[in-house]
Every structure is written in structure tokens, then in C-alpha cells.
Amino acid sequence: MFTQYSTKVFETLARIGFRRSITRKTFPSGVEVLVFALKRAIIVILMLLTLLFPVEVNALAPPRRAPSSNQALVMSSLNQTVPMGNYAHNLIYYLTQAGYNVTYLTDGAVTVDLLVNNLNSYSVVVWRTNAFTWVHTNYWYVGEKINSATEQKYAADFAAGYLNDKTGIFGVDTDFVNEHFGPNTLSGVKLLILIASNGNSIAPQLVTAGVSSVIFCNGNISLQFGLIDDLMVQMVAYLSKGENVYTAVYNTLTPVDQGQTPEDNLDTPYSPPFWYAGNDALTIV
């Protein structure tokens, strides 16, 4: 077989201009072979052998994954005001690499009905929003703009102060979570990442509702300038590689926390505001 293909190679070389480099030699045994100048023909030989013996090469192709039933939901409730930009693409990339089918919703597509009825359908939920205070109560922006249909449907929640419609965008408070998510009603959610101010106020209720692990922000944060988004994407990158919640949070915080020396005595070192509640050994892959 090899002799047959070799002869074809040499004959082809002779046809395309390497005739002067090729001679015939007959051994005492009577076997006749073609001899060629290797230096002048090696590149062409390799090309021809590649054509004769095709090999599938996927070195630059993305990893292949079997179709996955794992679902992830990314919600950016204030995207029109503070766009997530390219961080959204990076976040979706890492979740996809971890084997998730990702649904990405922004602004008005994030509705009260969605929170109440659909969260438990997703194994991983990333909710990027922020908080506001109204009459001494913390609310988190949903994204859905004020409309009469939702106000009528959730009239009891508005009357009780669980829902807020005073800012042009609906907001929910911790009592809304307690009212609509009883124990284990969110047991389908493995991980919920809440990117919002005062996430520590609502994380315990989400764990009680059945979320295995909640990563949240302590105190006030800003969605501007991309700093929080960048750190959040780093955490998801760690999680997508199989690290657990504790390690992903720790590895995100440590490089920023260590070795900081303020240039001015009035300055304080920056410490990323992330922490978690629930199962710190949880992995998403």
C-alpha cells in the first residue's frame, strides 16, 4: 500500500516540475524505486501526503458538548441605564462552557411574573439590579415598567408595601420574597448570584426558599464603570472550571485584598463586596 502511494507521489512530483530531482534506481534484487532530492521536494511531499491521507483537525474549534438540559438565567434589570456591555457576552460564554443553555433578559423583559413563576426553572440565576429606599424600606428594581395589569394582579402586594411602583420601575422587598417563596419553593436553583446593593438583606430569605447557594454584595455598590461586572464575571469563570462557591469567591477577593497600601492616609483600601450564604461547597459543573 505505502509503495503504491509513494510511487504516485513521485510521479506527481515529476509532473509538476521536480523531474530533474528524480531518478530511478534498480537494486540487485530487481526492485526499482524512485529517488529524489529531499531538500527541494519535502514541502510538496508533505502537502501531497496530507491530501492522500486526510486527517480531521479541530485544534481551533471550540469544545464540543452534548446538548444540555441545564438552564441558566441572566437578568440585567437596569441595562438601559447602566449597560452590562461586553461583560454580558463574557458571562454567557463561561456559563455556556460550563454546559448551560443561557437565557439573557434585560430591562422590561424582567417582570414580576417571571420572578414569581419561572425562577425555579433555572439551575443558575444571575440577577444584576440595584436597590433603592422608599419610606425606610429597601426595594430591588425588577426591570418591568409600571403598568396597570401588574398593579391589578398584585394589588395585595402593593397594599402591603411588598411591591413598589413609585420610581417608574417595579421594586420588590424582602417581604415579597417571604410571601411568594415559601420553604423549598426555589429548590431547583443551585446558585443565585445577586449583583445589587444590600444583597446581604435578602440572601437569607432566598436560601430559606430553597436556593442552595447565594452569592451577594454587602452594602452599597455601583453598577457604573464595570468594576463589579468584571469581578462577577471572574467568579463565574472560576465556577465554570469546577471550583466551588467558597473558592470562587475567595480567589476573586484575594488578589484585590492583598498588598494594598493607600497612597493617602485618608484613602481606604478597596475590598470587593462579595460574600455568600448557603452551601459553600456547591459546584455548578
Protein backbone atom coordinates (compact mmCIF):
# COMPACT_ATOMS: atom_id res chain seq x y z
CA MET A 1 0.00 0.00 0.00
CA PHE A 2 2.69 2.51 1.01
CA THR A 3 4.79 1.67 -2.11
CA GLN A 4 1.76 2.28 -4.29
CA TYR A 5 1.11 5.72 -2.74
CA SER A 6 4.81 6.58 -2.76
CA THR A 7 5.04 5.91 -6.47
CA LYS A 8 2.04 8.16 -7.06
CA VAL A 9 3.69 10.92 -5.04
CA PHE A 10 6.93 10.74 -7.02
CA GLU A 11 5.15 10.57 -10.35
CA THR A 12 3.13 13.65 -9.39
CA LEU A 13 6.32 15.44 -8.39
CA ALA A 14 7.79 14.70 -11.78
CA ARG A 15 4.73 16.16 -13.49
CA ILE A 16 4.78 19.42 -11.51
CA GLY A 17 8.40 20.31 -12.10
CA PHE A 18 10.64 18.12 -9.97
CA ARG A 19 11.70 15.87 -12.88
CA ARG A 20 15.36 16.89 -12.54
CA SER A 21 15.35 15.88 -8.87
CA ILE A 22 14.02 12.39 -9.54
CA THR A 23 15.95 9.36 -10.81
CA ARG A 24 15.23 5.67 -11.00
CA LYS A 25 17.45 3.19 -9.20
CA THR A 26 17.38 -0.58 -9.55
CA PHE A 27 18.62 -2.68 -6.64
CA PRO A 28 20.32 -6.10 -7.17
CA SER A 29 17.11 -7.72 -6.07
CA GLY A 30 15.44 -6.25 -9.13
CA VAL A 31 13.33 -3.78 -7.17
CA GLU A 32 13.14 -0.44 -8.91
CA VAL A 33 12.48 2.70 -6.82
CA LEU A 34 12.33 6.41 -7.45
CA VAL A 35 14.98 8.58 -5.75
CA PHE A 36 14.54 12.33 -5.28
CA ALA A 37 16.33 15.31 -3.73
CA LEU A 38 14.65 15.66 -0.33
CA LYS A 39 15.59 19.27 0.28
CA ARG A 40 13.87 20.50 -2.83
CA ALA A 41 10.70 18.48 -2.53
CA ILE A 42 9.91 17.93 1.14
CA ILE A 43 7.27 20.67 1.41
CA VAL A 44 5.39 19.45 -1.63
CA ILE A 45 5.60 15.87 -0.37
CA LEU A 46 4.03 16.82 2.94
CA MET A 47 1.23 18.65 1.15
CA LEU A 48 0.52 15.69 -1.09
CA LEU A 49 0.61 13.21 1.75
CA THR A 50 -1.92 15.36 3.57
CA LEU A 51 -4.22 15.12 0.57
CA LEU A 52 -3.66 11.37 0.23
CA PHE A 53 -4.18 10.66 3.91
CA PRO A 54 -6.73 13.27 5.11
CA VAL A 55 -6.90 13.82 8.85
CA GLU A 56 -9.65 15.76 10.58
CA VAL A 57 -8.17 18.62 12.62
CA ASN A 58 -10.22 20.55 15.16
CA ALA A 59 -7.48 22.19 17.21
CA LEU A 60 -9.01 25.63 16.84
CA ALA A 61 -12.64 24.56 17.16
CA PRO A 62 -14.50 25.19 20.43
CA PRO A 63 -15.04 22.23 22.76
CA ARG A 64 -17.92 20.05 21.71
CA ARG A 65 -20.65 19.49 24.26
CA ALA A 66 -23.63 17.24 24.24
CA PRO A 67 -26.97 19.06 24.35
CA SER A 68 -27.58 20.06 27.94
CA SER A 69 -30.79 20.30 29.93
CA ASN A 70 -29.12 22.66 32.41
CA GLN A 71 -30.63 26.13 32.22
CA ALA A 72 -29.16 29.45 33.33
CA LEU A 73 -30.90 32.80 33.54
CA VAL A 74 -29.11 36.15 33.35
CA MET A 75 -31.22 39.22 34.20
CA SER A 76 -29.92 42.78 33.82
CA SER A 77 -32.80 44.85 35.19
CA LEU A 78 -31.19 48.28 34.69
CA ASN A 79 -29.40 47.60 31.44
CA GLN A 80 -30.73 50.67 29.65
CA THR A 81 -29.37 52.94 32.37
CA VAL A 82 -26.15 51.07 33.18
CA PRO A 83 -25.45 48.69 30.29
CA MET A 84 -23.67 45.45 31.01
CA GLY A 85 -21.92 45.70 27.66
CA ASN A 86 -19.30 43.12 26.75
CA TYR A 87 -19.41 41.66 30.25
CA ALA A 88 -22.73 40.08 29.29
CA HIS A 89 -21.05 38.25 26.40
CA ASN A 90 -18.24 37.06 28.67
CA LEU A 91 -20.68 35.88 31.32
CA ILE A 92 -22.78 33.97 28.79
CA TYR A 93 -19.60 32.45 27.33
CA TYR A 94 -18.46 31.00 30.66
CA LEU A 95 -21.91 29.67 31.53
CA THR A 96 -22.15 28.07 28.09
CA GLN A 97 -18.72 26.48 28.51
CA ALA A 98 -19.95 25.08 31.82
CA GLY A 99 -22.73 23.30 29.93
CA TYR A 100 -25.68 25.66 30.37
CA ASN A 101 -28.26 26.93 27.94
CA VAL A 102 -28.42 30.62 28.80
CA THR A 103 -31.43 32.95 28.68
CA TYR A 104 -30.48 36.63 28.79
CA LEU A 105 -33.15 39.20 29.70
CA THR A 106 -32.83 42.94 30.17
CA ASP A 107 -34.93 45.82 31.48
CA GLY A 108 -38.68 45.37 30.89
CA ALA A 109 -38.27 41.69 29.97
CA VAL A 110 -37.55 41.05 33.67
CA THR A 111 -41.07 41.02 35.07
CA VAL A 112 -42.73 40.38 38.41
CA ASP A 113 -44.45 37.35 36.88
CA LEU A 114 -41.07 36.00 35.76
CA LEU A 115 -39.68 36.22 39.28
CA VAL A 116 -42.72 34.57 40.83
CA ASN A 117 -43.35 31.83 38.28
CA ASN A 118 -40.12 30.99 36.46
CA LEU A 119 -37.05 31.30 38.68
CA ASN A 120 -37.25 27.71 39.82
CA SER A 121 -36.86 26.52 36.22
CA TYR A 122 -33.20 27.60 36.19
CA SER A 123 -30.26 25.92 37.88
CA VAL A 124 -28.15 29.09 37.84
CA VAL A 125 -29.58 32.61 38.11
CA VAL A 126 -27.60 35.84 37.81
CA TRP A 127 -29.66 38.89 38.76
CA ARG A 128 -27.95 42.21 38.08
CA THR A 129 -30.02 45.03 39.51
CA ASN A 130 -29.77 47.55 42.34
CA ALA A 131 -31.64 48.70 45.40
CA PHE A 132 -33.46 51.85 46.41
CA THR A 133 -35.07 53.01 49.64
CA TRP A 134 -38.68 54.17 49.95
CA VAL A 135 -40.14 55.08 53.32
CA HIS A 136 -37.34 53.30 55.18
CA THR A 137 -37.77 50.09 53.17
CA ASN A 138 -35.23 48.56 50.79
CA TYR A 139 -36.54 47.55 47.39
CA TRP A 140 -34.77 45.90 44.47
CA TYR A 141 -35.60 47.01 40.92
CA VAL A 142 -37.36 44.29 38.95
CA GLY A 143 -36.96 45.86 35.49
CA GLU A 144 -40.60 45.84 34.42
CA LYS A 145 -42.01 49.34 33.97
CA ILE A 146 -45.13 50.41 35.82
CA ASN A 147 -48.33 49.11 34.21
CA SER A 148 -51.90 48.70 35.36
CA ALA A 149 -52.13 44.98 34.57
CA THR A 150 -49.37 44.06 37.03
CA GLU A 151 -50.67 46.54 39.60
CA GLN A 152 -54.09 44.90 39.47
CA LYS A 153 -52.74 41.36 39.54
CA TYR A 154 -50.56 42.04 42.59
CA ALA A 155 -52.84 44.56 44.29
CA ALA A 156 -52.46 42.88 47.67
CA ASP A 157 -48.66 43.14 47.48
CA PHE A 158 -48.85 46.84 46.65
CA ALA A 159 -51.28 47.42 49.50
CA ALA A 160 -48.96 45.64 51.93
CA GLY A 161 -45.91 47.51 50.68
CA TYR A 162 -44.22 44.37 49.33
CA LEU A 163 -44.18 45.86 45.81
CA ASN A 164 -43.26 49.44 44.97
CA ASP A 165 -44.41 51.43 41.93
CA LYS A 166 -43.10 54.91 42.84
CA THR A 167 -39.95 55.04 40.64
CA GLY A 168 -41.32 54.11 37.22
CA ILE A 169 -39.95 50.55 37.61
CA PHE A 170 -41.44 47.95 39.93
CA GLY A 171 -39.45 47.09 43.03
CA VAL A 172 -39.71 44.12 45.41
CA ASP A 173 -38.71 43.92 49.06
CA THR A 174 -37.77 41.05 51.38
CA ASP A 175 -41.39 40.57 52.47
CA PHE A 176 -42.32 39.96 48.83
CA VAL A 177 -39.80 37.11 48.78
CA ASN A 178 -41.19 35.71 52.02
CA GLU A 179 -44.75 35.98 50.72
CA HIS A 180 -44.22 34.32 47.35
CA PHE A 181 -41.37 31.90 48.01
CA GLY A 182 -42.08 29.53 50.84
CA PRO A 183 -39.57 26.94 52.07
CA ASN A 184 -38.06 24.90 49.22
CA THR A 185 -40.11 26.62 46.50
CA LEU A 186 -36.78 27.54 44.84
CA SER A 187 -35.06 24.20 45.40
CA GLY A 188 -34.41 23.92 41.66
CA VAL A 189 -31.98 26.87 41.82
CA LYS A 190 -28.48 25.67 42.66
CA LEU A 191 -26.82 29.08 42.59
CA LEU A 192 -28.19 32.61 42.57
CA ILE A 193 -25.76 35.50 42.10
CA LEU A 194 -27.32 38.80 43.17
CA ILE A 195 -25.42 41.84 41.91
CA ALA A 196 -27.12 44.65 43.83
CA SER A 197 -26.71 46.87 46.86
CA ASN A 198 -27.63 45.37 50.24
CA GLY A 199 -27.83 41.84 48.90
CA ASN A 200 -26.99 40.61 52.40
CA SER A 201 -30.50 41.72 53.42
CA ILE A 202 -32.28 39.39 51.02
CA ALA A 203 -29.86 36.46 50.65
CA PRO A 204 -31.06 34.61 53.81
CA GLN A 205 -34.66 34.63 52.54
CA LEU A 206 -33.54 33.16 49.22
CA VAL A 207 -31.68 30.36 51.00
CA THR A 208 -34.75 29.67 53.12
CA ALA A 209 -36.77 29.47 49.89
CA GLY A 210 -34.52 26.62 48.77
CA VAL A 211 -31.67 28.18 46.77
CA SER A 212 -28.60 26.07 47.54
CA SER A 213 -26.13 28.95 47.49
CA VAL A 214 -26.44 32.73 47.09
CA ILE A 215 -23.52 34.99 46.19
CA PHE A 216 -24.38 38.59 47.04
CA CYS A 217 -22.97 42.08 47.60
CA ASN A 218 -22.60 43.64 51.03
CA GLY A 219 -23.60 47.28 51.45
CA ASN A 220 -23.92 49.78 48.63
CA ILE A 221 -22.46 49.13 45.18
CA SER A 222 -22.38 50.94 41.85
CA LEU A 223 -23.02 49.28 38.51
CA GLN A 224 -21.13 52.03 36.72
CA PHE A 225 -17.60 51.73 35.32
CA GLY A 226 -17.78 47.90 35.02
CA LEU A 227 -15.78 47.07 38.16
CA ILE A 228 -18.47 44.94 39.80
CA ASP A 229 -19.34 43.29 36.48
CA ASP A 230 -15.70 42.44 35.88
CA LEU A 231 -15.30 40.82 39.29
CA MET A 232 -18.58 38.95 38.93
CA VAL A 233 -17.52 37.52 35.56
CA GLN A 234 -14.22 36.42 37.14
CA MET A 235 -16.17 34.50 39.78
CA VAL A 236 -18.31 32.78 37.16
CA ALA A 237 -15.14 31.91 35.23
CA TYR A 238 -13.80 30.14 38.33
CA LEU A 239 -17.12 28.37 38.83
CA SER A 240 -17.21 27.27 35.18
CA LYS A 241 -13.90 25.46 35.72
CA GLY A 242 -15.33 23.36 38.54
CA GLU A 243 -14.34 25.41 41.59
CA ASN A 244 -16.83 25.59 44.43
CA VAL A 245 -18.54 28.72 45.70
CA TYR A 246 -16.08 29.33 48.53
CA THR A 247 -13.01 29.02 46.31
CA ALA A 248 -14.51 31.11 43.51
CA VAL A 249 -15.35 33.95 45.90
CA TYR A 250 -12.04 33.68 47.74
CA ASN A 251 -9.99 33.68 44.52
CA THR A 252 -11.87 36.75 43.33
CA LEU A 253 -11.41 38.69 46.57
CA THR A 254 -7.83 37.76 47.47
CA PRO A 255 -5.88 39.38 44.60
CA VAL A 256 -7.62 42.68 45.32
CA ASP A 257 -7.49 42.48 49.11
CA GLN A 258 -3.80 41.64 49.44
CA GLY A 259 -0.90 44.03 49.20
CA GLN A 260 -2.87 47.27 49.16
CA THR A 261 -1.20 50.35 50.55
CA PRO A 262 -3.24 53.56 50.22
CA GLU A 263 -1.27 56.47 48.79
CA ASP A 264 -3.05 58.85 51.13
CA ASN A 265 -3.85 58.29 54.78
CA LEU A 266 -7.41 59.43 54.09
CA ASP A 267 -7.86 56.68 51.50
CA THR A 268 -9.02 53.22 52.41
CA PRO A 269 -8.14 50.02 50.51
CA TYR A 270 -10.83 48.76 48.15
CA SER A 271 -12.30 45.41 49.10
CA PRO A 272 -14.74 43.71 46.72
CA PRO A 273 -18.13 43.48 48.46
CA PHE A 274 -18.92 39.85 47.62
CA TRP A 275 -19.85 37.11 50.03
CA TYR A 276 -22.14 34.10 50.04
CA ALA A 277 -24.85 32.31 52.01
CA GLY A 278 -25.81 28.65 51.93
CA ASN A 279 -23.71 25.77 50.65
CA ASP A 280 -20.11 26.97 50.14
CA ALA A 281 -19.06 23.61 48.66
CA LEU A 282 -21.53 23.92 45.77
CA THR A 283 -20.22 23.50 42.20
CA ILE A 284 -22.13 24.22 39.01
CA VAL A 285 -20.36 21.73 36.73
